[in-house]
PDB file of N, CA and C in Angstrom:
ATOM      1  N   MET A   1     179.815 147.182   5.027  1.00  0.00           N
ATOM      2  CA  MET A   1     179.302 147.917   6.197  1.00  0.00           C
ATOM      3  C   MET A   1     180.543 147.489   7.320  1.00  0.00           C
ATOM      4  N   LYS A   2     181.211 148.185   7.869  1.00  0.00           N
ATOM      5  CA  LYS A   2     182.117 148.488   9.046  1.00  0.00           C
ATOM      6  C   LYS A   2     181.485 147.927  10.292  1.00  0.00           C
ATOM      7  N   SER A   3     181.895 146.917  10.920  1.00  0.00           N
ATOM      8  CA  SER A   3     181.586 146.629  12.468  1.00  0.00           C
ATOM      9  C   SER A   3     181.433 147.522  13.082  1.00  0.00           C
ATOM     10  N   GLN A   4     180.443 148.013  13.858  1.00  0.00           N
ATOM     11  CA  GLN A   4     180.538 148.645  15.055  1.00  0.00           C
ATOM     12  C   GLN A   4     180.924 148.161  16.643  1.00  0.00           C
ATOM     13  N   SER A   5     181.461 149.038  16.966  1.00  0.00           N
ATOM     14  CA  SER A   5     181.945 148.649  18.731  1.00  0.00           C
ATOM     15  C   SER A   5     180.392 148.580  19.313  1.00  0.00           C
ATOM     16  N   PHE A   6     180.486 147.942  20.567  1.00  0.00           N
ATOM     17  CA  PHE A   6     179.107 147.694  21.871  1.00  0.00           C
ATOM     18  C   PHE A   6     178.664 149.362  22.073  1.00  0.00           C
ATOM     19  N   TRP A   7     179.758 150.441  22.164  1.00  0.00           N
ATOM     20  CA  TRP A   7     179.670 151.935  22.453  1.00  0.00           C
ATOM     21  C   TRP A   7     179.082 152.382  21.332  1.00  0.00           C
ATOM     22  N   GLU A   8     179.843 152.169  20.183  1.00  0.00           N
ATOM     23  CA  GLU A   8     179.093 152.656  19.117  1.00  0.00           C
ATOM     24  C   GLU A   8     177.616 152.658  18.906  1.00  0.00           C
ATOM     25  N   SER A   9     177.188 151.328  18.865  1.00  0.00           N
ATOM     26  CA  SER A   9     175.919 150.837  18.693  1.00  0.00           C
ATOM     27  C   SER A   9     175.172 151.194  19.779  1.00  0.00           C
ATOM     28  N   LEU A  10     175.590 151.615  20.660  1.00  0.00           N
ATOM     29  CA  LEU A  10     174.599 151.611  21.973  1.00  0.00           C
ATOM     30  C   LEU A  10     174.441 153.703  21.668  1.00  0.00           C
ATOM     31  N   MET A  11     175.422 154.030  21.490  1.00  0.00           N
ATOM     32  CA  MET A  11     175.187 155.230  20.889  1.00  0.00           C
ATOM     33  C   MET A  11     174.209 155.591  20.051  1.00  0.00           C
ATOM     34  N   ASN A  12     174.591 154.762  18.663  1.00  0.00           N
ATOM     35  CA  ASN A  12     173.272 154.845  17.871  1.00  0.00           C
ATOM     36  C   ASN A  12     171.735 154.704  18.213  1.00  0.00           C
ATOM     37  N   ALA A  13     171.970 153.750  18.953  1.00  0.00           N
ATOM     38  CA  ALA A  13     170.610 153.699  20.049  1.00  0.00           C
ATOM     39  C   ALA A  13     170.156 154.712  20.584  1.00  0.00           C
ATOM     40  N   PHE A  14     170.739 155.288  21.119  1.00  0.00           N
ATOM     41  CA  PHE A  14     170.346 156.576  22.124  1.00  0.00           C
ATOM     42  C   PHE A  14     169.813 157.390  21.118  1.00  0.00           C
ATOM     43  N   ASN A  15     170.933 157.580  20.232  1.00  0.00           N
ATOM     44  CA  ASN A  15     170.597 158.815  18.926  1.00  0.00           C
ATOM     45  C   ASN A  15     169.143 158.325  18.542  1.00  0.00           C
ATOM     46  N   GLY A  16     168.926 157.275  17.625  1.00  0.00           N
ATOM     47  CA  GLY A  16     167.556 156.966  17.296  1.00  0.00           C
ATOM     48  C   GLY A  16     166.213 157.300  18.284  1.00  0.00           C
ATOM     49  N   PHE A  17     166.774 157.122  19.677  1.00  0.00           N
ATOM     50  CA  PHE A  17     165.639 157.361  20.784  1.00  0.00           C
ATOM     51  C   PHE A  17     165.236 158.631  20.726  1.00  0.00           C
ATOM     52  N   ARG A  18     166.271 159.425  20.770  1.00  0.00           N
ATOM     53  CA  ARG A  18     166.381 160.677  20.937  1.00  0.00           C
ATOM     54  C   ARG A  18     165.703 161.604  19.476  1.00  0.00           C
ATOM     55  N   HIS A  19     166.262 160.871  18.614  1.00  0.00           N
ATOM     56  CA  HIS A  19     165.410 161.398  17.070  1.00  0.00           C
ATOM     57  C   HIS A  19     163.798 161.458  17.480  1.00  0.00           C
ATOM     58  N   ALA A  20     163.422 160.167  17.515  1.00  0.00           N
ATOM     59  CA  ALA A  20     162.137 159.670  17.885  1.00  0.00           C
ATOM     60  C   ALA A  20     161.341 160.463  18.900  1.00  0.00           C
ATOM     61  N   LEU A  21     162.018 161.114  20.028  1.00  0.00           N
ATOM     62  CA  LEU A  21     161.609 161.622  20.692  1.00  0.00           C
ATOM     63  C   LEU A  21     161.075 163.067  20.690  1.00  0.00           C
ATOM     64  N   ARG A  22     162.138 163.697  19.766  1.00  0.00           N
ATOM     65  CA  ARG A  22     162.400 164.928  19.319  1.00  0.00           C
ATOM     66  C   ARG A  22     161.254 165.421  17.816  1.00  0.00           C
ATOM     67  N   GLN A  23     161.057 164.382  17.181  1.00  0.00           N
ATOM     68  CA  GLN A  23     160.463 164.249  16.146  1.00  0.00           C
ATOM     69  C   GLN A  23     158.804 163.965  16.003  1.00  0.00           C
ATOM     70  N   GLU A  24     158.423 162.674  17.094  1.00  0.00           N
ATOM     71  CA  GLU A  24     157.266 162.013  16.950  1.00  0.00           C
ATOM     72  C   GLU A  24     156.538 162.276  18.009  1.00  0.00           C
ATOM     73  N   ARG A  25     155.140 162.792  17.618  1.00  0.00           N
ATOM     74  CA  ARG A  25     154.057 163.378  18.769  1.00  0.00           C
ATOM     75  C   ARG A  25     153.985 162.323  19.824  1.00  0.00           C
ATOM     76  N   ASN A  26     153.401 160.835  19.267  1.00  0.00           N
ATOM     77  CA  ASN A  26     153.008 160.051  19.873  1.00  0.00           C
ATOM     78  C   ASN A  26     154.021 159.591  20.900  1.00  0.00           C
ATOM     79  N   VAL A  27     155.924 159.563  20.328  1.00  0.00           N
ATOM     80  CA  VAL A  27     156.292 159.562  21.070  1.00  0.00           C
ATOM     81  C   VAL A  27     156.678 160.214  22.534  1.00  0.00           C
ATOM     82  N   LYS A  28     156.446 161.701  22.079  1.00  0.00           N
ATOM     83  CA  LYS A  28     156.318 162.353  23.503  1.00  0.00           C
ATOM     84  C   LYS A  28     155.324 162.093  23.981  1.00  0.00           C
ATOM     85  N   ILE A  29     154.133 162.123  23.702  1.00  0.00           N
ATOM     86  CA  ILE A  29     152.864 161.464  24.604  1.00  0.00           C
ATOM     87  C   ILE A  29     153.518 160.238  25.438  1.00  0.00           C
ATOM     88  N   HIS A  30     153.873 159.205  25.054  1.00  0.00           N
ATOM     89  CA  HIS A  30     154.324 158.251  25.839  1.00  0.00           C
ATOM     90  C   HIS A  30     155.440 158.360  26.879  1.00  0.00           C
ATOM     91  N   PHE A  31     156.474 159.265  26.438  1.00  0.00           N
ATOM     92  CA  PHE A  31     157.146 159.846  27.317  1.00  0.00           C
ATOM     93  C   PHE A  31     156.676 159.910  28.775  1.00  0.00           C
ATOM     94  N   VAL A  32     155.648 161.033  28.214  1.00  0.00           N
ATOM     95  CA  VAL A  32     155.130 162.117  29.610  1.00  0.00           C
ATOM     96  C   VAL A  32     154.049 160.841  30.325  1.00  0.00           C
ATOM     97  N   ALA A  33     153.483 160.244  29.750  1.00  0.00           N
ATOM     98  CA  ALA A  33     153.089 159.139  30.406  1.00  0.00           C
ATOM     99  C   ALA A  33     153.574 157.954  31.008  1.00  0.00           C
ATOM    100  N   THR A  34     154.698 157.557  30.525  1.00  0.00           N
ATOM    101  CA  THR A  34     155.832 157.031  31.195  1.00  0.00           C
ATOM    102  C   THR A  34     155.934 157.663  32.666  1.00  0.00           C
ATOM    103  N   PHE A  35     156.795 159.065  32.335  1.00  0.00           N
ATOM    104  CA  PHE A  35     156.724 159.709  33.428  1.00  0.00           C
ATOM    105  C   PHE A  35     155.754 159.988  34.714  1.00  0.00           C
ATOM    106  N   VAL A  36     154.305 159.772  34.721  1.00  0.00           N
ATOM    107  CA  VAL A  36     153.442 159.713  35.057  1.00  0.00           C
ATOM    108  C   VAL A  36     153.224 158.729  35.814  1.00  0.00           C
ATOM    109  N   VAL A  37     153.266 157.428  35.121  1.00  0.00           N
ATOM    110  CA  VAL A  37     153.315 156.285  35.502  1.00  0.00           C
ATOM    111  C   VAL A  37     154.142 155.826  36.456  1.00  0.00           C
ATOM    112  N   VAL A  38     155.385 156.081  36.554  1.00  0.00           N
ATOM    113  CA  VAL A  38     156.442 155.693  37.133  1.00  0.00           C
ATOM    114  C   VAL A  38     156.253 156.531  38.446  1.00  0.00           C
ATOM    115  N   LEU A  39     155.888 157.842  38.597  1.00  0.00           N
ATOM    116  CA  LEU A  39     155.462 158.739  39.489  1.00  0.00           C
ATOM    117  C   LEU A  39     154.609 158.202  40.362  1.00  0.00           C
ATOM    118  N   SER A  40     153.566 158.016  39.619  1.00  0.00           N
ATOM    119  CA  SER A  40     152.282 157.623  40.490  1.00  0.00           C
ATOM    120  C   SER A  40     152.908 155.848  40.932  1.00  0.00           C
ATOM    121  N   GLY A  41     153.300 155.115  40.431  1.00  0.00           N
ATOM    122  CA  GLY A  41     154.089 153.832  40.951  1.00  0.00           C
ATOM    123  C   GLY A  41     154.755 154.368  41.982  1.00  0.00           C
ATOM    124  N   LEU A  42     156.052 155.098  42.409  1.00  0.00           N
ATOM    125  CA  LEU A  42     156.516 155.610  43.368  1.00  0.00           C
ATOM    126  C   LEU A  42     155.609 156.050  44.507  1.00  0.00           C
ATOM    127  N   LEU A  43     154.747 156.910  44.523  1.00  0.00           N
ATOM    128  CA  LEU A  43     153.505 157.808  45.391  1.00  0.00           C
ATOM    129  C   LEU A  43     152.716 156.591  46.065  1.00  0.00           C
ATOM    130  N   PHE A  44     152.407 155.568  45.034  1.00  0.00           N
ATOM    131  CA  PHE A  44     151.261 154.571  45.332  1.00  0.00           C
ATOM    132  C   PHE A  44     152.328 153.440  46.008  1.00  0.00           C
ATOM    133  N   ARG A  45     153.439 153.651  46.095  1.00  0.00           N
ATOM    134  CA  ARG A  45     154.276 152.655  46.393  1.00  0.00           C
ATOM    135  C   ARG A  45     153.903 151.078  46.235  1.00  0.00           C
ATOM    136  N   LEU A  46     153.803 150.858  45.135  1.00  0.00           N
ATOM    137  CA  LEU A  46     153.822 149.871  44.266  1.00  0.00           C
ATOM    138  C   LEU A  46     154.416 148.503  44.914  1.00  0.00           C
ATOM    139  N   THR A  47     154.094 146.839  44.684  1.00  0.00           N
ATOM    140  CA  THR A  47     154.997 145.915  45.110  1.00  0.00           C
ATOM    141  C   THR A  47     155.774 145.990  44.042  1.00  0.00           C
ATOM    142  N   LEU A  48     156.498 144.810  44.523  1.00  0.00           N
ATOM    143  CA  LEU A  48     157.550 144.350  43.252  1.00  0.00           C
ATOM    144  C   LEU A  48     156.880 143.694  42.346  1.00  0.00           C
ATOM    145  N   SER A  49     155.764 142.812  42.514  1.00  0.00           N
ATOM    146  CA  SER A  49     154.833 142.009  41.307  1.00  0.00           C
ATOM    147  C   SER A  49     154.277 143.035  40.439  1.00  0.00           C
ATOM    148  N   GLU A  50     153.624 144.329  41.396  1.00  0.00           N
ATOM    149  CA  GLU A  50     153.065 145.248  40.427  1.00  0.00           C
ATOM    150  C   GLU A  50     153.933 145.958  39.736  1.00  0.00           C
ATOM    151  N   TRP A  51     154.963 146.196  40.013  1.00  0.00           N
ATOM    152  CA  TRP A  51     156.030 147.228  39.461  1.00  0.00           C
ATOM    153  C   TRP A  51     156.457 146.135  38.151  1.00  0.00           C
ATOM    154  N   SER A  52     156.859 144.881  38.203  1.00  0.00           N
ATOM    155  CA  SER A  52     156.804 143.810  37.106  1.00  0.00           C
ATOM    156  C   SER A  52     156.014 144.049  36.231  1.00  0.00           C
ATOM    157  N   PHE A  53     154.773 144.280  36.675  1.00  0.00           N
ATOM    158  CA  PHE A  53     153.916 144.321  35.121  1.00  0.00           C
ATOM    159  C   PHE A  53     153.463 145.699  34.782  1.00  0.00           C
ATOM    160  N   ILE A  54     153.961 146.707  35.551  1.00  0.00           N
ATOM    161  CA  ILE A  54     153.839 148.032  35.050  1.00  0.00           C
ATOM    162  C   ILE A  54     155.227 148.135  33.943  1.00  0.00           C
ATOM    163  N   VAL A  55     156.279 147.597  34.558  1.00  0.00           N
ATOM    164  CA  VAL A  55     157.892 148.021  33.418  1.00  0.00           C
ATOM    165  C   VAL A  55     157.323 147.248  32.271  1.00  0.00           C
ATOM    166  N   ILE A  56     156.756 145.561  32.453  1.00  0.00           N
ATOM    167  CA  ILE A  56     156.605 145.185  31.365  1.00  0.00           C
ATOM    168  C   ILE A  56     155.387 146.055  30.268  1.00  0.00           C
ATOM    169  N   ALA A  57     154.462 146.438  30.718  1.00  0.00           N
ATOM    170  CA  ALA A  57     154.071 147.388  29.959  1.00  0.00           C
ATOM    171  C   ALA A  57     154.188 148.467  29.421  1.00  0.00           C
ATOM    172  N   ILE A  58     155.050 149.356  29.907  1.00  0.00           N
ATOM    173  CA  ILE A  58     155.828 150.511  29.475  1.00  0.00           C
ATOM    174  C   ILE A  58     156.869 149.606  28.398  1.00  0.00           C
ATOM    175  N   VAL A  59     157.464 148.951  28.833  1.00  0.00           N
ATOM    176  CA  VAL A  59     158.350 148.372  27.521  1.00  0.00           C
ATOM    177  C   VAL A  59     157.858 147.953  26.374  1.00  0.00           C
ATOM    178  N   MET A  60     156.569 147.340  26.716  1.00  0.00           N
ATOM    179  CA  MET A  60     155.699 146.913  25.501  1.00  0.00           C
ATOM    180  C   MET A  60     155.570 147.960  24.314  1.00  0.00           C
ATOM    181  N   VAL A  61     154.939 149.244  25.069  1.00  0.00           N
ATOM    182  CA  VAL A  61     154.453 150.644  24.462  1.00  0.00           C
ATOM    183  C   VAL A  61     155.606 150.955  23.980  1.00  0.00           C
ATOM    184  N   TRP A  62     156.639 151.285  24.377  1.00  0.00           N
ATOM    185  CA  TRP A  62     157.948 151.609  23.933  1.00  0.00           C
ATOM    186  C   TRP A  62     158.208 150.980  22.558  1.00  0.00           C
ATOM    187  N   VAL A  63     158.705 149.772  22.652  1.00  0.00           N
ATOM    188  CA  VAL A  63     158.738 148.982  21.727  1.00  0.00           C
ATOM    189  C   VAL A  63     157.866 149.041  20.544  1.00  0.00           C
ATOM    190  N   ALA A  64     156.660 148.977  20.636  1.00  0.00           N
ATOM    191  CA  ALA A  64     155.630 148.728  19.714  1.00  0.00           C
ATOM    192  C   ALA A  64     155.691 150.395  18.703  1.00  0.00           C
ATOM    193  N   GLU A  65     155.702 151.451  19.713  1.00  0.00           N
ATOM    194  CA  GLU A  65     156.105 152.370  18.997  1.00  0.00           C
ATOM    195  C   GLU A  65     157.084 152.870  18.497  1.00  0.00           C
ATOM    196  N   LEU A  66     158.631 152.474  18.501  1.00  0.00           N
ATOM    197  CA  LEU A  66     159.411 152.971  18.144  1.00  0.00           C
ATOM    198  C   LEU A  66     159.455 151.844  16.661  1.00  0.00           C
ATOM    199  N   LEU A  67     159.068 150.719  16.859  1.00  0.00           N
ATOM    200  CA  LEU A  67     159.170 149.601  15.521  1.00  0.00           C
ATOM    201  C   LEU A  67     157.848 150.255  14.798  1.00  0.00           C
ATOM    202  N   ASN A  68     156.739 151.239  15.171  1.00  0.00           N
ATOM    203  CA  ASN A  68     156.058 151.685  14.316  1.00  0.00           C
ATOM    204  C   ASN A  68     156.478 152.956  13.356  1.00  0.00           C
ATOM    205  N   THR A  69     157.379 153.816  14.513  1.00  0.00           N
ATOM    206  CA  THR A  69     157.944 154.873  13.870  1.00  0.00           C
ATOM    207  C   THR A  69     158.896 154.497  12.897  1.00  0.00           C
ATOM    208  N   SER A  70     159.741 153.245  13.196  1.00  0.00           N
ATOM    209  CA  SER A  70     160.810 152.842  12.226  1.00  0.00           C
ATOM    210  C   SER A  70     160.143 152.549  10.855  1.00  0.00           C
ATOM    211  N   ILE A  71     159.038 151.298  11.317  1.00  0.00           N
ATOM    212  CA  ILE A  71     158.205 151.118   9.903  1.00  0.00           C
ATOM    213  C   ILE A  71     157.932 152.230   8.903  1.00  0.00           C
ATOM    214  N   GLU A  72     157.306 153.511   9.316  1.00  0.00           N
ATOM    215  CA  GLU A  72     156.477 154.465   8.769  1.00  0.00           C
ATOM    216  C   GLU A  72     157.697 155.351   8.251  1.00  0.00           C
ATOM    217  N   GLY A  73     158.719 155.389   9.056  1.00  0.00           N
ATOM    218  CA  GLY A  73     159.918 156.006   8.259  1.00  0.00           C
ATOM    219  C   GLY A  73     160.686 155.376   7.052  1.00  0.00           C
ATOM    220  N   ILE A  74     160.949 154.072   6.959  1.00  0.00           N
ATOM    221  CA  ILE A  74     161.302 153.460   6.014  1.00  0.00           C
ATOM    222  C   ILE A  74     160.117 153.044   5.183  1.00  0.00           C
ATOM    223  N   ALA A  75     159.128 153.104   5.302  1.00  0.00           N
ATOM    224  CA  ALA A  75     158.187 153.067   3.847  1.00  0.00           C
ATOM    225  C   ALA A  75     157.772 154.307   3.428  1.00  0.00           C
ATOM    226  N   ASP A  76     158.091 155.245   4.091  1.00  0.00           N
ATOM    227  CA  ASP A  76     158.087 156.374   3.692  1.00  0.00           C
ATOM    228  C   ASP A  76     158.900 156.949   2.420  1.00  0.00           C
ATOM    229  N   GLN A  77     160.138 156.316   2.850  1.00  0.00           N
ATOM    230  CA  GLN A  77     161.153 156.677   2.294  1.00  0.00           C
ATOM    231  C   GLN A  77     161.114 155.836   0.711  1.00  0.00           C
ATOM    232  N   VAL A  78     160.637 154.258   0.897  1.00  0.00           N
ATOM    233  CA  VAL A  78     160.975 153.370  -0.044  1.00  0.00           C
ATOM    234  C   VAL A  78     159.631 154.224  -1.181  1.00  0.00           C
ATOM    235  N   SER A  79     158.324 154.551  -0.874  1.00  0.00           N
ATOM    236  CA  SER A  79     157.486 154.773  -1.523  1.00  0.00           C
ATOM    237  C   SER A  79     156.813 156.292  -1.167  1.00  0.00           C
ATOM    238  N   PRO A  80     157.390 157.382  -1.570  1.00  0.00           N
ATOM    239  CA  PRO A  80     157.037 158.783  -1.134  1.00  0.00           C
ATOM    240  C   PRO A  80     155.439 158.870  -1.565  1.00  0.00           C
ATOM    241  N   GLN A  81     155.257 158.035  -2.972  1.00  0.00           N
ATOM    242  CA  GLN A  81     153.706 158.420  -3.229  1.00  0.00           C
ATOM    243  C   GLN A  81     153.037 157.484  -2.662  1.00  0.00           C
ATOM    244  N   TYR A  82     151.575 158.087  -2.000  1.00  0.00           N
ATOM    245  CA  TYR A  82     150.793 157.032  -2.064  1.00  0.00           C
ATOM    246  C   TYR A  82     150.492 155.921  -2.448  1.00  0.00           C
ATOM    247  N   SER A  83     150.875 154.726  -1.765  1.00  0.00           N
ATOM    248  CA  SER A  83     150.620 153.220  -2.426  1.00  0.00           C
ATOM    249  C   SER A  83     149.693 152.584  -1.347  1.00  0.00           C
ATOM    250  N   PRO A  84     148.509 151.859  -1.464  1.00  0.00           N
ATOM    251  CA  PRO A  84     147.369 151.033  -0.823  1.00  0.00           C
ATOM    252  C   PRO A  84     148.705 150.115  -0.170  1.00  0.00           C
ATOM    253  N   GLU A  85     149.423 149.502  -0.584  1.00  0.00           N
ATOM    254  CA  GLU A  85     149.900 148.342   0.092  1.00  0.00           C
ATOM    255  C   GLU A  85     151.130 148.983   1.237  1.00  0.00           C
ATOM    256  N   VAL A  86     151.408 150.051   0.726  1.00  0.00           N
ATOM    257  CA  VAL A  86     152.112 150.732   1.998  1.00  0.00           C
ATOM    258  C   VAL A  86     151.743 151.199   2.931  1.00  0.00           C
ATOM    259  N   GLY A  87     150.478 151.626   2.885  1.00  0.00           N
ATOM    260  CA  GLY A  87     149.422 152.651   3.771  1.00  0.00           C
ATOM    261  C   GLY A  87     148.845 151.249   4.478  1.00  0.00           C
ATOM    262  N   HIS A  88     148.600 149.976   3.857  1.00  0.00           N
ATOM    263  CA  HIS A  88     147.901 148.838   5.000  1.00  0.00           C
ATOM    264  C   HIS A  88     149.144 148.140   5.823  1.00  0.00           C
ATOM    265  N   ALA A  89     150.519 148.745   5.319  1.00  0.00           N
ATOM    266  CA  ALA A  89     151.535 148.287   6.223  1.00  0.00           C
ATOM    267  C   ALA A  89     151.775 148.910   7.360  1.00  0.00           C
ATOM    268  N   LYS A  90     151.856 150.542   7.042  1.00  0.00           N
ATOM    269  CA  LYS A  90     151.578 151.693   7.819  1.00  0.00           C
ATOM    270  C   LYS A  90     150.548 151.074   9.371  1.00  0.00           C
ATOM    271  N   ASP A  91     149.259 150.891   8.507  1.00  0.00           N
ATOM    272  CA  ASP A  91     148.428 150.868   9.314  1.00  0.00           C
ATOM    273  C   ASP A  91     148.287 149.802  10.565  1.00  0.00           C
ATOM    274  N   VAL A  92     148.940 148.468   9.985  1.00  0.00           N
ATOM    275  CA  VAL A  92     149.344 147.165  10.739  1.00  0.00           C
ATOM    276  C   VAL A  92     150.115 147.629  11.887  1.00  0.00           C
ATOM    277  N   ALA A  93     151.134 148.513  11.466  1.00  0.00           N
ATOM    278  CA  ALA A  93     151.912 148.596  12.808  1.00  0.00           C
ATOM    279  C   ALA A  93     151.507 149.887  13.546  1.00  0.00           C
ATOM    280  N   ALA A  94     150.752 150.891  12.740  1.00  0.00           N
ATOM    281  CA  ALA A  94     150.232 151.439  13.904  1.00  0.00           C
ATOM    282  C   ALA A  94     148.929 150.761  14.687  1.00  0.00           C
ATOM    283  N   GLY A  95     148.355 149.861  14.062  1.00  0.00           N
ATOM    284  CA  GLY A  95     147.512 149.030  15.271  1.00  0.00           C
ATOM    285  C   GLY A  95     148.373 148.084  15.862  1.00  0.00           C
ATOM    286  N   ALA A  96     149.579 148.012  15.643  1.00  0.00           N
ATOM    287  CA  ALA A  96     150.322 146.929  16.962  1.00  0.00           C
ATOM    288  C   ALA A  96     150.883 147.738  17.938  1.00  0.00           C
ATOM    289  N   ALA A  97     150.683 149.215  17.598  1.00  0.00           N
ATOM    290  CA  ALA A  97     151.265 150.111  18.714  1.00  0.00           C
ATOM    291  C   ALA A  97     149.956 150.712  19.499  1.00  0.00           C
ATOM    292  N   LEU A  98     148.693 150.547  19.166  1.00  0.00           N
ATOM    293  CA  LEU A  98     147.531 150.680  19.443  1.00  0.00           C
ATOM    294  C   LEU A  98     147.381 149.703  20.352  1.00  0.00           C
ATOM    295  N   ILE A  99     147.591 148.441  20.146  1.00  0.00           N
ATOM    296  CA  ILE A  99     147.190 147.157  20.908  1.00  0.00           C
ATOM    297  C   ILE A  99     147.920 147.357  22.074  1.00  0.00           C
ATOM    298  N   ALA A 100     149.211 147.674  21.705  1.00  0.00           N
ATOM    299  CA  ALA A 100     150.285 147.429  23.062  1.00  0.00           C
ATOM    300  C   ALA A 100     149.674 148.449  24.236  1.00  0.00           C
ATOM    301  N   ALA A 101     149.292 149.781  23.303  1.00  0.00           N
ATOM    302  CA  ALA A 101     149.008 150.835  24.361  1.00  0.00           C
ATOM    303  C   ALA A 101     147.610 150.821  25.356  1.00  0.00           C
ATOM    304  N   LEU A 102     147.199 149.891  24.506  1.00  0.00           N
ATOM    305  CA  LEU A 102     145.504 149.404  25.075  1.00  0.00           C
ATOM    306  C   LEU A 102     145.814 148.083  26.402  1.00  0.00           C
ATOM    307  N   GLY A 103     146.684 147.388  25.986  1.00  0.00           N
ATOM    308  CA  GLY A 103     147.072 146.486  27.074  1.00  0.00           C
ATOM    309  C   GLY A 103     147.735 147.178  28.181  1.00  0.00           C
ATOM    310  N   ALA A 104     148.826 147.950  27.765  1.00  0.00           N
ATOM    311  CA  ALA A 104     149.155 149.019  29.184  1.00  0.00           C
ATOM    312  C   ALA A 104     148.179 149.863  29.981  1.00  0.00           C
ATOM    313  N   VAL A 105     147.038 150.257  28.880  1.00  0.00           N
ATOM    314  CA  VAL A 105     145.946 150.800  30.007  1.00  0.00           C
ATOM    315  C   VAL A 105     145.547 149.704  30.853  1.00  0.00           C
ATOM    316  N   ILE A 106     144.964 148.811  30.225  1.00  0.00           N
ATOM    317  CA  ILE A 106     144.525 147.887  30.964  1.00  0.00           C
ATOM    318  C   ILE A 106     145.155 147.208  32.425  1.00  0.00           C
ATOM    319  N   ILE A 107     146.480 147.060  32.169  1.00  0.00           N
ATOM    320  CA  ILE A 107     147.431 146.895  33.081  1.00  0.00           C
ATOM    321  C   ILE A 107     147.226 147.926  33.968  1.00  0.00           C
ATOM    322  N   GLY A 108     147.211 149.033  33.630  1.00  0.00           N
ATOM    323  CA  GLY A 108     147.301 150.459  34.680  1.00  0.00           C
ATOM    324  C   GLY A 108     145.982 150.534  35.322  1.00  0.00           C
ATOM    325  N   ILE A 109     144.917 149.843  34.998  1.00  0.00           N
ATOM    326  CA  ILE A 109     143.615 150.169  35.536  1.00  0.00           C
ATOM    327  C   ILE A 109     143.717 148.766  36.787  1.00  0.00           C
ATOM    328  N   LEU A 110     144.259 147.555  36.512  1.00  0.00           N
ATOM    329  CA  LEU A 110     144.131 146.638  37.324  1.00  0.00           C
ATOM    330  C   LEU A 110     145.155 146.759  38.620  1.00  0.00           C
ATOM    331  N   VAL A 111     146.206 147.710  38.042  1.00  0.00           N
ATOM    332  CA  VAL A 111     147.258 148.301  39.309  1.00  0.00           C
ATOM    333  C   VAL A 111     146.852 149.155  39.874  1.00  0.00           C
ATOM    334  N   PHE A 112     146.349 150.226  39.620  1.00  0.00           N
ATOM    335  CA  PHE A 112     146.612 151.382  40.395  1.00  0.00           C
ATOM    336  C   PHE A 112     144.765 151.356  40.480  1.00  0.00           C
ATOM    337  N   GLY A 113     144.150 150.970  39.732  1.00  0.00           N
ATOM    338  CA  GLY A 113     142.574 151.205  39.985  1.00  0.00           C
ATOM    339  C   GLY A 113     141.853 150.885  41.578  1.00  0.00           C
ATOM    340  N   PRO A 114     142.405 149.907  42.052  1.00  0.00           N
ATOM    341  CA  PRO A 114     142.200 149.640  43.625  1.00  0.00           C
ATOM    342  C   PRO A 114     142.685 150.890  44.356  1.00  0.00           C
ATOM    343  N   ARG A 115     143.801 151.125  44.242  1.00  0.00           N
ATOM    344  CA  ARG A 115     144.380 152.186  45.130  1.00  0.00           C
ATOM    345  C   ARG A 115     143.673 153.602  44.711  1.00  0.00           C
ATOM    346  N   ILE A 116     143.528 154.011  43.807  1.00  0.00           N
ATOM    347  CA  ILE A 116     142.588 155.233  43.143  1.00  0.00           C
ATOM    348  C   ILE A 116     141.338 155.355  43.958  1.00  0.00           C
ATOM    349  N   LEU A 117     140.722 154.071  44.074  1.00  0.00           N
ATOM    350  CA  LEU A 117     139.336 153.751  44.593  1.00  0.00           C
ATOM    351  C   LEU A 117     139.360 154.160  45.948  1.00  0.00           C
ATOM    352  N   TYR A 118     140.456 153.689  46.493  1.00  0.00           N
ATOM    353  CA  TYR A 118     140.623 153.748  47.940  1.00  0.00           C
ATOM    354  C   TYR A 118     140.759 155.338  48.231  1.00  0.00           C
ATOM    355  N   TYR A 119     141.627 155.555  47.606  1.00  0.00           N
ATOM    356  CA  TYR A 119     141.746 156.876  48.139  1.00  0.00           C
ATOM    357  C   TYR A 119     140.714 158.060  47.718  1.00  0.00           C
ATOM    358  N   LEU A 120     139.883 157.605  46.842  1.00  0.00           N
ATOM    359  CA  LEU A 120     138.542 158.613  46.744  1.00  0.00           C
ATOM    360  C   LEU A 120     137.513 158.470  47.499  1.00  0.00           C
ATOM    361  N   GLY A 121     137.565 157.263  48.290  1.00  0.00           N
ATOM    362  CA  GLY A 121     136.499 157.010  48.918  1.00  0.00           C
ATOM    363  C   GLY A 121     136.236 155.770  50.091  1.00  0.00           C
ATOM    364  N   GLY A 122     137.364 155.315  50.061  1.00  0.00           N
ATOM    365  CA  GLY A 122     137.467 154.054  50.765  1.00  0.00           C
ATOM    366  C   GLY A 122     136.814 152.625  50.253  1.00  0.00           C
ATOM    367  N   LEU A 123     136.894 153.018  49.047  1.00  0.00           N
ATOM    368  CA  LEU A 123     136.002 151.360  48.292  1.00  0.00           C
ATOM    369  C   LEU A 123     137.128 150.560  48.111  1.00  0.00           C
ATOM    370  N   THR A 124     137.171 149.472  48.414  1.00  0.00           N
ATOM    371  CA  THR A 124     138.047 148.233  47.919  1.00  0.00           C
ATOM    372  C   THR A 124     137.539 147.104  47.122  1.00  0.00           C
ATOM    373  N   ILE A 125     138.436 146.856  46.511  1.00  0.00           N
ATOM    374  CA  ILE A 125     137.819 145.636  45.397  1.00  0.00           C
ATOM    375  C   ILE A 125     139.167 144.580  45.476  1.00  0.00           C
ATOM    376  N   ASP A 126     138.594 143.385  45.942  1.00  0.00           N
ATOM    377  CA  ASP A 126     139.132 142.381  46.159  1.00  0.00           C
ATOM    378  C   ASP A 126     139.401 141.386  45.354  1.00  0.00           C
TER     379      ASP A 126
END
């Protein structure tokens, strides 16, 4: 296999992301969620440290979801018929994506929760 230039590799990565965004329902959901979270962060004027947590959470979810999508695609090609072992591998990958998403939700609650409570009724949590 021929070695690719940096730009060719970058374009392949972008094309892979674009393919996942067009084909996978969960990737579309994560795209919308990312947009909403970033917009909310701008509106709530998050601090630099809060942005750090949010960015880590977003990246964690994207990496887990894209790896899950890759594993499912490869597994479906290797074993087109149902196989319990392949099914378990796909379930584990989906579980990793779920854990990443739940972790991101917890981070979102910790970062945005106090601000939302304040705007809803002046409640504060210290």
